[in-house]
Amino acid sequence: MMGISSNNQKTNSAVERALTILEYISSKTGPVGVNEIANELSLAKSTTHRLLDTLKSRGFVVQDDTIEKYDIGLKAIEVGMSGLKNWNLVDIASAYIKQLAADLSETSFLAVYDEGEIVYVYKVEGQRAVITNSQLGTRKPVHCTALGKAMMSSLHLEEVDQILNEKGMEKFTEKTIVDRQRFFEELSKIRELGYAMDDEEVEIGLTCFAAPIYSYTGKAVAGISVAGPTERMIQNKNKITEQLLEASNFISRRLGYVPAMRKSL
């Protein structure tokens, strides 16, 4: 019995180390070498080699022989995707949206993209929330909403250009961006910051911040936002955007998004 227990402990330890290696590789934006993995995870190089060989033989990692580095394999993606098939976006995101509304006391939204517009699919009002015309099922343009811009930031410029050709760039307020080049510059800024802003572009006095939600495809499939009176939103900008980015990252990860996978797809 002592021998069986000892063997089980060794097996569990090996499995745990292999999974840790897999998680580490998936967190990187490019292939990583054995030395880096061993050093970062405090593993012996020989152990790291052995576990990588096992993961490679099962397709969970792939090796680039030219640079002797490892990346996530198709088997890992396959397993991850099989766990996503019964997950519902609203079910996953609702808890985070409720938390945003509770922590920030403003209105928090979840929206998806559909045929050149955003569609609001979930909404929670905070204690200080103001009444907005954004109800569930409401559609709004992508060019003037923080949610729309956040989702557009993951698309190629050719795709964005086509959407704008089809939908136009209607001017709602004096602050609405209607110049295409300026809109492209705005998307570049969003990609750098990780979040988008509606600076009174739909309604004067109302400001919104939004962050994209990515799926395993690497593209934004939805967005979450916080909206409220401009003065309060600007005053609390850092806190709002920090919590938005944290929430969007958690939701994206639950949808199977890994930065390294996005780069490779």
Protein backbone atom coordinates (compact mmCIF):
# COMPACT_ATOMS: atom_id res chain seq x y z
CA MET A 1 0.00 0.00 0.00
CA MET A 2 2.85 2.36 0.77
CA GLY A 3 4.21 1.85 -2.74
CA ILE A 4 0.85 2.57 -4.38
CA SER A 5 0.43 5.79 -2.38
CA SER A 6 3.93 6.91 -3.29
CA ASN A 7 3.33 6.22 -6.98
CA ASN A 8 0.04 8.17 -6.91
CA GLN A 9 1.79 11.13 -5.33
CA LYS A 10 4.47 11.06 -8.02
CA THR A 11 1.82 10.82 -10.75
CA ASN A 12 -0.18 13.71 -9.30
CA SER A 13 2.97 15.79 -9.02
CA ALA A 14 3.87 15.12 -12.65
CA VAL A 15 0.34 15.99 -13.81
CA GLU A 16 0.39 19.20 -11.80
CA ARG A 17 3.74 20.21 -13.24
CA ALA A 18 2.63 19.42 -16.79
CA LEU A 19 -0.52 21.53 -16.35
CA THR A 20 1.53 24.37 -14.87
CA ILE A 21 3.80 24.28 -17.92
CA LEU A 22 0.78 24.28 -20.22
CA GLU A 23 -0.74 27.27 -18.40
CA TYR A 24 2.55 29.14 -18.56
CA ILE A 25 2.96 28.60 -22.31
CA SER A 26 -0.65 29.67 -22.92
CA SER A 27 -0.07 32.92 -21.03
CA LYS A 28 2.75 34.01 -23.35
CA THR A 29 2.28 35.88 -26.62
CA GLY A 30 4.82 33.75 -28.51
CA PRO A 31 6.82 30.51 -28.32
CA VAL A 32 8.96 29.95 -25.23
CA GLY A 33 12.11 27.93 -24.68
CA VAL A 34 12.92 25.20 -22.18
CA ASN A 35 15.31 27.37 -20.17
CA GLU A 36 12.72 30.11 -19.71
CA ILE A 37 10.03 27.63 -18.66
CA ALA A 38 12.33 25.84 -16.22
CA ASN A 39 13.59 29.07 -14.68
CA GLU A 40 10.18 30.75 -14.36
CA LEU A 41 8.52 27.66 -12.86
CA SER A 42 11.51 26.59 -10.74
CA LEU A 43 11.73 23.20 -12.42
CA ALA A 44 14.76 21.12 -13.31
CA LYS A 45 15.60 21.43 -16.99
CA SER A 46 15.54 17.63 -17.41
CA THR A 47 12.07 17.45 -15.84
CA THR A 48 10.84 20.27 -18.06
CA HIS A 49 12.17 18.49 -21.15
CA ARG A 50 10.48 15.25 -20.17
CA LEU A 51 7.10 16.85 -19.50
CA LEU A 52 7.25 18.89 -22.70
CA ASP A 53 7.97 15.72 -24.67
CA THR A 54 4.85 14.15 -23.17
CA LEU A 55 2.70 17.20 -23.91
CA LYS A 56 4.12 17.32 -27.43
CA SER A 57 3.41 13.63 -28.08
CA ARG A 58 -0.25 14.22 -27.16
CA GLY A 59 -0.57 17.40 -29.24
CA PHE A 60 -1.01 19.80 -26.34
CA VAL A 61 2.12 21.73 -27.33
CA VAL A 62 3.99 22.10 -30.59
CA GLN A 63 7.71 22.65 -31.05
CA ASP A 64 9.31 24.99 -33.54
CA ASP A 65 12.44 23.04 -34.40
CA THR A 66 14.14 26.03 -36.01
CA ILE A 67 14.22 27.98 -32.73
CA GLU A 68 13.66 25.06 -30.31
CA LYS A 69 10.72 26.73 -28.61
CA TYR A 70 7.23 25.58 -27.68
CA ASP A 71 3.73 26.96 -28.24
CA ILE A 72 0.15 25.83 -27.58
CA GLY A 73 -0.93 22.86 -29.72
CA LEU A 74 -4.23 22.13 -31.44
CA LYS A 75 -5.19 19.48 -28.89
CA ALA A 76 -5.21 22.08 -26.12
CA ILE A 77 -7.41 24.31 -28.26
CA GLU A 78 -9.71 21.37 -29.05
CA VAL A 79 -10.14 20.48 -25.38
CA GLY A 80 -10.76 24.11 -24.46
CA MET A 81 -13.37 24.56 -27.18
CA SER A 82 -15.25 21.42 -26.12
CA GLY A 83 -15.69 22.97 -22.69
CA LEU A 84 -17.18 26.14 -24.20
CA LYS A 85 -19.98 24.64 -26.27
CA ASN A 86 -22.66 24.87 -23.58
CA TRP A 87 -21.57 28.17 -22.05
CA ASN A 88 -23.84 31.19 -22.38
CA LEU A 89 -22.34 34.67 -22.65
CA VAL A 90 -24.93 36.35 -20.43
CA ASP A 91 -24.64 33.62 -17.79
CA ILE A 92 -20.88 34.08 -17.69
CA ALA A 93 -20.83 37.89 -17.78
CA SER A 94 -23.80 38.72 -15.53
CA ALA A 95 -21.96 38.32 -12.22
CA TYR A 96 -19.15 40.64 -13.35
CA ILE A 97 -21.60 43.24 -14.65
CA LYS A 98 -23.56 43.18 -11.40
CA GLN A 99 -20.32 43.67 -9.51
CA LEU A 100 -19.35 46.65 -11.68
CA ALA A 101 -22.73 48.31 -11.09
CA ALA A 102 -22.51 47.66 -7.35
CA ASP A 103 -18.91 48.87 -6.98
CA LEU A 104 -19.25 51.96 -9.21
CA SER A 105 -22.92 52.81 -8.55
CA GLU A 106 -23.45 53.46 -12.26
CA THR A 107 -25.21 51.58 -15.06
CA SER A 108 -23.30 48.66 -16.51
CA PHE A 109 -24.09 47.01 -19.87
CA LEU A 110 -23.29 43.94 -21.92
CA ALA A 111 -23.68 44.24 -25.69
CA VAL A 112 -22.93 42.13 -28.75
CA TYR A 113 -22.19 43.07 -32.35
CA ASP A 114 -24.76 42.38 -35.07
CA GLU A 115 -24.71 43.57 -38.68
CA GLY A 116 -22.91 46.87 -38.14
CA GLU A 117 -24.59 47.75 -34.85
CA ILE A 118 -24.38 46.90 -31.17
CA VAL A 119 -27.29 45.25 -29.40
CA TYR A 120 -27.73 45.56 -25.64
CA VAL A 121 -28.35 42.12 -24.13
CA TYR A 122 -27.88 42.72 -20.39
CA LYS A 123 -28.09 45.74 -18.09
CA VAL A 124 -27.68 46.44 -14.38
CA GLU A 125 -28.32 49.82 -12.76
CA GLY A 126 -26.24 51.07 -9.85
CA GLN A 127 -27.45 53.17 -6.92
CA ARG A 128 -26.67 56.49 -8.63
CA ALA A 129 -27.63 55.36 -12.12
CA VAL A 130 -29.28 57.87 -14.42
CA ILE A 131 -32.05 56.93 -16.83
CA THR A 132 -30.75 56.21 -20.33
CA ASN A 133 -32.49 55.26 -23.55
CA SER A 134 -30.34 52.12 -23.85
CA GLN A 135 -32.75 49.30 -23.05
CA LEU A 136 -32.34 45.57 -23.66
CA GLY A 137 -32.65 44.86 -27.36
CA THR A 138 -31.85 48.45 -28.30
CA ARG A 139 -29.54 48.85 -31.28
CA LYS A 140 -26.98 51.63 -31.69
CA PRO A 141 -24.27 52.46 -34.23
CA VAL A 142 -20.71 51.27 -33.68
CA HIS A 143 -18.98 54.54 -34.59
CA CYS A 144 -20.29 56.65 -31.72
CA THR A 145 -20.67 54.20 -28.84
CA ALA A 146 -17.89 53.06 -26.54
CA LEU A 147 -19.14 49.48 -26.85
CA GLY A 148 -19.13 49.67 -30.64
CA LYS A 149 -15.67 51.17 -30.82
CA ALA A 150 -14.34 48.61 -28.34
CA MET A 151 -15.57 45.76 -30.51
CA MET A 152 -14.41 47.38 -33.76
CA SER A 153 -10.89 47.68 -32.37
CA SER A 154 -10.32 43.93 -32.87
CA LEU A 155 -11.20 44.02 -36.57
CA HIS A 156 -8.97 44.70 -39.57
CA LEU A 157 -9.34 48.21 -40.98
CA GLU A 158 -10.79 46.76 -44.20
CA GLU A 159 -13.62 45.19 -42.20
CA VAL A 160 -14.26 48.42 -40.31
CA ASP A 161 -14.21 50.37 -43.58
CA GLN A 162 -16.85 48.08 -45.07
CA ILE A 163 -19.08 48.45 -42.01
CA LEU A 164 -18.84 52.24 -42.15
CA ASN A 165 -19.61 52.18 -45.88
CA GLU A 166 -22.79 50.23 -45.20
CA LYS A 167 -23.95 52.03 -42.05
CA GLY A 168 -22.54 55.52 -42.45
CA MET A 169 -21.41 57.80 -39.61
CA GLU A 170 -24.44 59.73 -38.41
CA LYS A 171 -23.77 62.80 -36.29
CA PHE A 172 -25.68 62.76 -32.98
CA THR A 173 -23.88 65.56 -31.13
CA GLU A 174 -21.12 68.05 -31.86
CA LYS A 175 -18.68 65.52 -30.40
CA THR A 176 -19.65 62.59 -32.62
CA ILE A 177 -16.71 61.37 -34.71
CA VAL A 178 -17.77 61.47 -38.36
CA ASP A 179 -14.34 61.62 -39.99
CA ARG A 180 -13.16 58.14 -41.01
CA GLN A 181 -9.44 58.78 -40.56
CA ARG A 182 -10.05 60.16 -37.08
CA PHE A 183 -12.13 57.08 -36.30
CA PHE A 184 -9.28 54.79 -37.37
CA GLU A 185 -6.95 56.77 -35.11
CA GLU A 186 -9.45 56.30 -32.28
CA LEU A 187 -9.39 52.52 -32.82
CA SER A 188 -5.59 52.53 -32.69
CA LYS A 189 -5.75 54.35 -29.36
CA ILE A 190 -8.28 51.82 -28.04
CA ARG A 191 -6.03 48.91 -28.97
CA GLU A 192 -3.22 50.56 -27.03
CA LEU A 193 -5.28 51.41 -23.92
CA GLY A 194 -7.54 48.36 -23.90
CA TYR A 195 -10.73 50.38 -23.47
CA ALA A 196 -12.93 52.78 -25.46
CA MET A 197 -14.73 56.00 -24.55
CA ASP A 198 -17.96 57.60 -25.71
CA ASP A 199 -17.17 61.25 -24.99
CA GLU A 200 -20.74 62.59 -25.15
CA GLU A 201 -20.89 61.33 -28.74
CA VAL A 202 -24.46 60.02 -28.46
CA GLU A 203 -25.90 62.28 -25.80
CA ILE A 204 -24.46 65.45 -24.25
CA GLY A 205 -23.90 65.01 -20.54
CA LEU A 206 -23.53 61.23 -20.79
CA THR A 207 -20.13 59.50 -20.95
CA CYS A 208 -19.38 55.82 -21.28
CA PHE A 209 -16.30 53.61 -20.99
CA ALA A 210 -16.23 50.12 -22.51
CA ALA A 211 -13.87 47.18 -22.87
CA PRO A 212 -14.05 44.36 -25.45
CA ILE A 213 -14.70 40.74 -24.58
CA TYR A 214 -12.72 38.24 -26.66
CA SER A 215 -13.53 34.63 -27.42
CA TYR A 216 -11.12 31.79 -28.28
CA THR A 217 -11.13 33.11 -31.87
CA GLY A 218 -9.19 36.18 -30.77
CA LYS A 219 -11.91 38.56 -31.95
CA ALA A 220 -14.19 40.67 -29.80
CA VAL A 221 -17.58 38.97 -29.58
CA ALA A 222 -19.06 41.40 -27.06
CA GLY A 223 -18.28 44.34 -24.82
CA ILE A 224 -19.04 45.55 -21.32
CA SER A 225 -19.45 49.17 -20.35
CA VAL A 226 -20.16 51.60 -17.56
CA ALA A 227 -22.15 54.76 -18.32
CA GLY A 228 -23.12 57.79 -16.29
CA PRO A 229 -23.06 61.60 -16.01
CA THR A 230 -19.93 63.02 -17.63
CA GLU A 231 -18.67 64.80 -14.52
CA ARG A 232 -18.79 61.66 -12.37
CA MET A 233 -17.39 59.44 -15.08
CA ILE A 234 -14.38 61.68 -15.77
CA GLN A 235 -13.78 62.12 -12.06
CA ASN A 236 -13.68 58.35 -11.54
CA LYS A 237 -12.12 57.43 -14.89
CA ASN A 238 -9.12 55.55 -13.53
CA LYS A 239 -11.17 53.42 -11.15
CA ILE A 240 -13.82 52.69 -13.78
CA THR A 241 -11.42 51.70 -16.54
CA GLU A 242 -9.30 49.59 -14.19
CA GLN A 243 -12.33 47.58 -13.06
CA LEU A 244 -13.67 47.33 -16.61
CA LEU A 245 -10.42 45.87 -17.89
CA GLU A 246 -10.25 43.42 -15.01
CA ALA A 247 -13.84 42.26 -15.59
CA SER A 248 -13.46 41.98 -19.37
CA ASN A 249 -10.28 39.95 -18.92
CA PHE A 250 -11.99 37.49 -16.57
CA ILE A 251 -14.96 37.06 -18.93
CA SER A 252 -12.69 36.66 -21.96
CA ARG A 253 -10.64 33.99 -20.21
CA ARG A 254 -13.83 32.07 -19.38
CA LEU A 255 -14.74 32.19 -23.06
CA GLY A 256 -11.45 30.54 -23.91
CA TYR A 257 -9.45 33.61 -24.84
CA VAL A 258 -5.69 33.39 -24.38
CA PRO A 259 -3.47 36.16 -25.84
CA ALA A 260 -1.03 33.60 -27.24
CA MET A 261 -3.85 31.84 -29.07
CA ARG A 262 -5.12 35.08 -30.53
CA LYS A 263 -1.72 35.79 -32.04
CA SER A 264 -1.52 32.37 -33.64
CA LEU A 265 -5.03 32.23 -35.12
